[in-house]
Amino acid sequence: MSRIIESLRRQTRWNVARRTSAVRAAAAVGCFALLGTLVIAQDPPDDTRQIVAEEFIDARPAGTAKRPPRRAKAAKPAGKAGVAELGVTIWRLRPAAAGDDASRLLVQEDGESAGWMPERVDAGQKLALGDRVRLSFETPRTGYLYVLDREEYADGTYSDTYLIFPTRRPIGSNNAVKAGRLIEIPSRDDRPHYFTVRQSRPDQVAEVLSAIVSEKPLPDLPLATGPTKLPSDLLTRWDAEWGSSVEQVVPAGDEARSWSPAEQQAGAEPTRLLTQDDAPPQTIYRVRTRPGRPVLVHIRLPYGASSPRP
């Protein structure tokens, strides 16, 4: 996704010169150090992963299938801090093959419709230059989702921070979330509705998305019809106020690698909610937090040295 901002600008037909300003080194190094401490449990035991996934799914509307008996829950972390969760799935698109089912993404390219199959990508897996990527977000909390984007460079510094969701576009920018609601970025109404991995400069090593879930809309946040550049110190202040320990959990036994019909429908229609019958997100971020405080999660998408995909 190495130029998420550039892709979004093409979607809104912006004709803006490429940004060249860099963030102040001290603030960037501070954010990079924080990113290194956020993930405290990369590989929890299978029982813990299964319990986390079940708790996440239990917040969704009930489905029609008969579910197996629940196992005993593990004790929640002690103390006054509660636990909030954010589900994130990274989808990489590949050309649809003859044996694929009907769950495919139709993309209009050069005047012709092409079929692409979204497949789940493990968090932390390196993306190849040329990859086409989409993301989906889900949280059991009721509130509002915001997604920010920065580029990370080899020396540990970052680009400016841009708000990429929501925007002022009338379609595909409803950022209200609740249990079972799936938000896709880019929206199915964007053109193109995927990001293409490209480096904006040779030393770019990753894209870092920052997802915020707030009980109330964030005040005085500027919105535009495309990506909005934020003040250089805003994310630093939010990290200081809302940053907390984060546990990254991949549900055990998750074999649903391809795009299911339920995910396809829920991402396209805000009123279609995922149910307890549907697969969990690829990765669940568990955040220690206090009631009423926004949840902030940083999602690092590293780049590999692979050649562009066909």
Protein backbone atom coordinates (compact mmCIF):
# COMPACT_ATOMS: atom_id res chain seq x y z
CA MET A 1 0.00 0.00 0.00
CA SER A 2 2.91 2.17 -0.43
CA ARG A 3 1.16 5.33 -1.53
CA ILE A 4 -2.26 5.05 0.01
CA ILE A 5 -2.57 8.81 -0.15
CA GLU A 6 -1.70 8.84 -3.85
CA SER A 7 -4.30 6.15 -4.57
CA LEU A 8 -6.99 8.03 -2.69
CA ARG A 9 -6.13 11.22 -4.50
CA ARG A 10 -6.62 9.44 -7.81
CA GLN A 11 -10.01 8.20 -6.59
CA THR A 12 -11.14 11.78 -5.90
CA ARG A 13 -9.31 13.14 -8.99
CA TRP A 14 -7.09 15.40 -7.03
CA ASN A 15 -4.27 17.07 -8.92
CA VAL A 16 -2.01 17.92 -6.04
CA ALA A 17 1.78 17.93 -6.02
CA ARG A 18 3.45 15.08 -4.11
CA ARG A 19 4.10 15.97 -0.52
CA THR A 20 7.77 16.28 0.42
CA SER A 21 7.81 17.64 3.97
CA ALA A 22 9.00 15.30 6.75
CA VAL A 23 7.86 15.14 10.36
CA ARG A 24 10.14 16.43 13.08
CA ALA A 25 12.69 13.79 14.00
CA ALA A 26 12.04 13.83 17.75
CA ALA A 27 8.29 13.29 17.42
CA ALA A 28 8.78 10.58 14.80
CA VAL A 29 11.33 8.68 16.89
CA GLY A 30 8.97 8.91 19.86
CA CYS A 31 6.11 7.43 17.82
CA PHE A 32 8.39 4.67 16.49
CA ALA A 33 9.44 3.75 20.02
CA LEU A 34 5.80 3.59 21.06
CA LEU A 35 4.98 1.28 18.15
CA GLY A 36 7.66 -1.07 19.40
CA THR A 37 5.97 -1.39 22.81
CA LEU A 38 2.34 -1.62 21.76
CA VAL A 39 2.18 -5.30 20.83
CA ILE A 40 2.75 -7.27 24.04
CA ALA A 41 1.55 -10.72 23.01
CA GLN A 42 2.29 -11.80 19.46
CA ASP A 43 1.60 -15.52 20.00
CA PRO A 44 -0.83 -16.23 22.87
CA PRO A 45 -1.77 -19.84 23.69
CA ASP A 46 -4.41 -21.51 21.50
CA ASP A 47 -6.96 -21.53 24.34
CA THR A 48 -6.56 -17.78 24.83
CA ARG A 49 -6.87 -17.10 21.10
CA GLN A 50 -10.03 -19.20 20.88
CA ILE A 51 -11.61 -17.46 23.88
CA VAL A 52 -10.77 -14.01 22.49
CA ALA A 53 -12.36 -14.91 19.13
CA GLU A 54 -15.48 -16.30 20.83
CA GLU A 55 -15.89 -13.19 22.97
CA PHE A 56 -15.49 -10.99 19.89
CA ILE A 57 -18.05 -13.00 17.91
CA ASP A 58 -20.51 -13.17 20.84
CA ALA A 59 -21.01 -9.40 20.56
CA ARG A 60 -22.43 -9.84 17.03
CA PRO A 61 -26.12 -10.52 16.33
CA ALA A 62 -27.09 -14.17 16.74
CA GLY A 63 -27.00 -16.35 13.63
CA THR A 64 -29.15 -19.28 12.61
CA ALA A 65 -26.62 -22.10 13.03
CA LYS A 66 -26.48 -24.14 16.22
CA ARG A 67 -23.19 -23.33 17.92
CA PRO A 68 -21.16 -25.86 19.96
CA PRO A 69 -21.04 -25.47 23.75
CA ARG A 70 -18.76 -22.69 24.94
CA ARG A 71 -15.62 -23.53 26.87
CA ALA A 72 -14.90 -21.81 30.18
CA LYS A 73 -13.67 -18.24 29.82
CA ALA A 74 -10.26 -17.18 31.01
CA ALA A 75 -10.10 -14.55 33.72
CA LYS A 76 -9.94 -11.00 32.44
CA PRO A 77 -6.88 -8.91 33.34
CA ALA A 78 -7.00 -7.61 36.89
CA GLY A 79 -7.33 -3.94 37.72
CA LYS A 80 -9.72 -1.14 36.84
CA ALA A 81 -8.72 -0.98 33.19
CA GLY A 82 -11.18 -2.57 30.81
CA VAL A 83 -10.45 -4.29 27.51
CA ALA A 84 -11.58 -2.96 24.13
CA GLU A 85 -11.14 -4.85 20.85
CA LEU A 86 -10.64 -3.98 17.21
CA GLY A 87 -10.76 -6.55 14.43
CA VAL A 88 -8.67 -5.92 11.30
CA THR A 89 -8.41 -8.01 8.14
CA ILE A 90 -5.90 -7.25 5.38
CA TRP A 91 -7.03 -8.49 1.96
CA ARG A 92 -4.64 -9.00 -0.94
CA LEU A 93 -6.27 -9.31 -4.36
CA ARG A 94 -5.25 -11.96 -6.86
CA PRO A 95 -6.70 -12.57 -10.33
CA ALA A 96 -9.76 -14.82 -10.15
CA ALA A 97 -9.23 -18.37 -11.44
CA ALA A 98 -11.67 -20.70 -13.20
CA GLY A 99 -12.29 -22.75 -10.05
CA ASP A 100 -13.09 -19.78 -7.80
CA ASP A 101 -16.61 -19.33 -6.51
CA ALA A 102 -18.78 -16.28 -7.12
CA SER A 103 -17.31 -14.37 -4.15
CA ARG A 104 -15.05 -12.11 -6.12
CA LEU A 105 -14.47 -8.39 -6.42
CA LEU A 106 -15.27 -6.85 -9.80
CA VAL A 107 -12.85 -4.11 -10.72
CA GLN A 108 -13.26 -1.76 -13.66
CA GLU A 109 -9.88 -1.47 -15.38
CA ASP A 110 -9.27 0.16 -18.76
CA GLY A 111 -12.94 -0.01 -19.62
CA GLU A 112 -13.26 -3.73 -18.86
CA SER A 113 -14.45 -5.55 -15.73
CA ALA A 114 -11.90 -7.90 -14.16
CA GLY A 115 -12.55 -10.41 -11.38
CA TRP A 116 -10.25 -10.37 -8.35
CA MET A 117 -10.31 -12.72 -5.36
CA PRO A 118 -9.55 -11.12 -1.97
CA GLU A 119 -7.50 -13.40 0.29
CA ARG A 120 -6.56 -12.78 3.90
CA VAL A 121 -3.00 -11.73 4.71
CA ASP A 122 -1.42 -12.37 8.11
CA ALA A 123 -0.66 -9.22 10.10
CA GLY A 124 3.03 -8.37 9.74
CA GLN A 125 3.44 -10.28 6.45
CA LYS A 126 5.46 -8.25 3.98
CA LEU A 127 3.59 -6.83 1.02
CA ALA A 128 5.13 -6.92 -2.43
CA LEU A 129 5.44 -3.87 -4.64
CA GLY A 130 2.51 -3.95 -7.02
CA ASP A 131 0.17 -5.79 -4.62
CA ARG A 132 -3.46 -4.67 -4.62
CA VAL A 133 -4.71 -4.40 -1.05
CA ARG A 134 -7.95 -3.70 0.83
CA LEU A 135 -8.69 -3.57 4.56
CA SER A 136 -11.76 -4.23 6.67
CA PHE A 137 -12.42 -3.10 10.25
CA GLU A 138 -14.86 -4.35 12.87
CA THR A 139 -15.32 -3.64 16.58
CA PRO A 140 -17.79 -4.81 19.23
CA ARG A 141 -17.93 -1.23 20.51
CA THR A 142 -20.54 1.30 19.46
CA GLY A 143 -18.84 4.47 18.32
CA TYR A 144 -16.98 6.07 15.42
CA LEU A 145 -13.99 4.82 13.44
CA TYR A 146 -11.14 6.99 12.17
CA VAL A 147 -8.16 5.75 10.13
CA LEU A 148 -4.91 7.70 9.73
CA ASP A 149 -1.98 6.96 7.45
CA ARG A 150 1.77 7.60 7.61
CA GLU A 151 4.74 6.33 5.64
CA GLU A 152 7.64 4.84 7.62
CA TYR A 153 11.22 5.24 6.42
CA ALA A 154 14.38 3.20 7.02
CA ASP A 155 15.83 5.74 9.48
CA GLY A 156 12.78 5.46 11.77
CA THR A 157 11.15 8.71 10.70
CA TYR A 158 7.66 9.16 9.29
CA SER A 159 5.86 11.23 6.71
CA ASP A 160 3.11 13.65 7.60
CA THR A 161 -0.08 12.13 9.01
CA TYR A 162 -3.18 12.04 6.84
CA LEU A 163 -6.75 11.24 7.79
CA ILE A 164 -7.96 8.80 5.11
CA PHE A 165 -11.28 7.78 6.69
CA PRO A 166 -13.86 9.22 7.01
CA THR A 167 -14.06 11.90 4.34
CA ARG A 168 -16.79 14.24 3.14
CA ARG A 169 -17.70 12.00 0.22
CA PRO A 170 -21.44 11.26 0.37
CA ILE A 171 -20.98 7.52 -0.25
CA GLY A 172 -18.73 5.11 1.63
CA SER A 173 -17.80 7.51 4.45
CA ASN A 174 -20.23 6.52 7.20
CA ASN A 175 -17.85 5.88 10.11
CA ALA A 176 -20.43 4.78 12.70
CA VAL A 177 -19.53 1.33 14.06
CA LYS A 178 -21.21 -1.32 16.19
CA ALA A 179 -20.96 -5.07 16.69
CA GLY A 180 -21.18 -6.87 13.35
CA ARG A 181 -20.76 -3.78 11.16
CA LEU A 182 -17.93 -4.17 8.66
CA ILE A 183 -16.17 -1.10 7.25
CA GLU A 184 -14.05 -1.54 4.14
CA ILE A 185 -11.26 0.81 3.10
CA PRO A 186 -11.33 1.80 0.30
CA SER A 187 -15.10 1.69 -0.05
CA ARG A 188 -16.68 -0.46 -2.74
CA ASP A 189 -17.82 2.84 -4.32
CA ASP A 190 -14.29 4.21 -4.69
CA ARG A 191 -12.51 3.93 -8.03
CA PRO A 192 -10.29 2.05 -7.86
CA HIS A 193 -11.50 0.28 -4.72
CA TYR A 194 -8.08 -1.04 -3.73
CA PHE A 195 -4.68 0.39 -2.82
CA THR A 196 -1.62 -0.42 -4.93
CA VAL A 197 1.66 -0.95 -3.08
CA ARG A 198 4.18 1.60 -4.32
CA GLN A 199 7.05 3.35 -2.62
CA SER A 200 6.97 7.13 -2.59
CA ARG A 201 10.75 7.14 -2.06
CA PRO A 202 13.43 4.39 -2.09
CA ASP A 203 13.86 4.24 1.71
CA GLN A 204 10.20 3.69 2.52
CA VAL A 205 9.90 0.42 4.46
CA ALA A 206 6.27 0.36 5.59
CA GLU A 207 2.90 2.02 5.77
CA VAL A 208 1.52 2.63 9.27
CA LEU A 209 -2.23 2.93 9.73
CA SER A 210 -3.58 4.26 13.01
CA ALA A 211 -7.16 3.23 13.80
CA ILE A 212 -9.15 5.14 16.41
CA VAL A 213 -12.52 4.10 17.83
CA SER A 214 -14.23 6.82 19.85
CA GLU A 215 -17.58 6.71 21.64
CA LYS A 216 -18.36 10.19 20.27
CA PRO A 217 -17.26 11.92 17.06
CA LEU A 218 -13.84 13.53 17.46
CA PRO A 219 -14.37 17.30 17.66
CA ASP A 220 -12.88 19.82 15.25
CA LEU A 221 -11.37 17.16 13.00
CA PRO A 222 -11.04 18.54 9.47
CA LEU A 223 -12.72 16.50 6.75
CA ALA A 224 -12.36 16.91 2.99
CA THR A 225 -13.39 14.96 -0.09
CA GLY A 226 -10.04 13.16 0.01
CA PRO A 227 -7.15 12.62 2.44
CA THR A 228 -6.72 15.42 4.97
CA LYS A 229 -3.31 16.42 6.33
CA LEU A 230 -3.39 16.68 10.13
CA PRO A 231 -1.29 18.94 12.39
CA SER A 232 2.17 17.46 12.93
CA ASP A 233 1.76 17.07 16.70
CA LEU A 234 -1.81 15.73 16.79
CA LEU A 235 -1.04 12.00 16.61
CA THR A 236 1.78 12.47 19.12
CA ARG A 237 -0.68 14.02 21.57
CA TRP A 238 -3.24 11.27 20.97
CA ASP A 239 -0.54 8.65 21.61
CA ALA A 240 0.28 10.33 24.92
CA GLU A 241 -3.39 10.57 25.95
CA TRP A 242 -4.83 7.30 24.61
CA GLY A 243 -1.86 5.01 23.98
CA SER A 244 -1.97 1.78 25.96
CA SER A 245 -0.73 -1.79 25.94
CA VAL A 246 -2.09 -3.80 23.02
CA GLU A 247 -2.32 -7.57 22.60
CA GLN A 248 -2.38 -8.83 19.01
CA VAL A 249 -4.36 -12.07 18.67
CA VAL A 250 -4.86 -14.27 15.61
CA PRO A 251 -7.87 -16.57 16.20
CA ALA A 252 -6.87 -20.22 16.51
CA GLY A 253 -7.90 -22.61 13.76
CA ASP A 254 -8.92 -19.86 11.37
CA GLU A 255 -9.02 -21.48 7.93
CA ALA A 256 -11.33 -18.96 6.23
CA ARG A 257 -8.69 -17.41 4.01
CA SER A 258 -10.94 -16.32 1.15
CA TRP A 259 -13.64 -13.68 1.02
CA SER A 260 -16.90 -15.18 2.28
CA PRO A 261 -20.34 -14.22 0.88
CA ALA A 262 -21.23 -12.81 4.32
CA GLU A 263 -18.18 -10.53 4.34
CA GLN A 264 -18.89 -9.54 0.75
CA GLN A 265 -22.45 -8.49 1.62
CA ALA A 266 -21.63 -6.83 4.96
CA GLY A 267 -18.88 -4.69 3.41
CA ALA A 268 -21.20 -3.44 0.68
CA GLU A 269 -24.30 -2.71 2.76
CA PRO A 270 -24.09 -0.94 6.17
CA THR A 271 -27.35 -2.50 7.37
CA ARG A 272 -26.09 -6.06 6.71
CA LEU A 273 -24.29 -7.13 9.90
CA LEU A 274 -21.98 -10.07 10.39
CA THR A 275 -23.48 -12.65 12.75
CA GLN A 276 -22.12 -15.19 15.20
CA ASP A 277 -22.14 -17.74 12.35
CA ASP A 278 -19.53 -15.78 10.36
CA ALA A 279 -15.74 -15.98 10.54
CA PRO A 280 -13.82 -13.70 12.92
CA PRO A 281 -11.47 -11.03 11.58
CA GLN A 282 -7.94 -12.06 10.66
CA THR A 283 -6.40 -10.22 13.64
CA ILE A 284 -7.96 -8.96 16.87
CA TYR A 285 -6.25 -6.14 18.75
CA ARG A 286 -7.08 -6.11 22.48
CA VAL A 287 -6.43 -2.76 24.15
CA ARG A 288 -6.29 -1.98 27.85
CA THR A 289 -8.38 1.15 28.28
CA ARG A 290 -10.66 3.10 30.60
CA PRO A 291 -14.40 3.63 30.02
CA GLY A 292 -15.06 6.55 27.69
CA ARG A 293 -11.48 6.82 26.42
CA PRO A 294 -10.89 6.38 22.67
CA VAL A 295 -9.07 3.24 21.53
CA LEU A 296 -5.92 3.78 19.45
CA VAL A 297 -4.20 0.96 17.54
CA HIS A 298 -1.23 1.21 15.16
CA ILE A 299 -1.16 -1.31 12.29
CA ARG A 300 2.19 -1.63 10.54
CA LEU A 301 2.21 -2.92 6.96
CA PRO A 302 5.84 -3.76 6.06
CA TYR A 303 7.07 -3.83 2.48
CA GLY A 304 9.16 -6.59 0.94
CA ALA A 305 11.58 -6.47 -1.96
CA SER A 306 9.45 -8.66 -4.22
CA SER A 307 8.78 -7.74 -7.82
CA PRO A 308 5.41 -6.30 -8.80
CA ARG A 309 2.59 -8.82 -9.05
CA PRO A 310 1.00 -9.32 -12.49
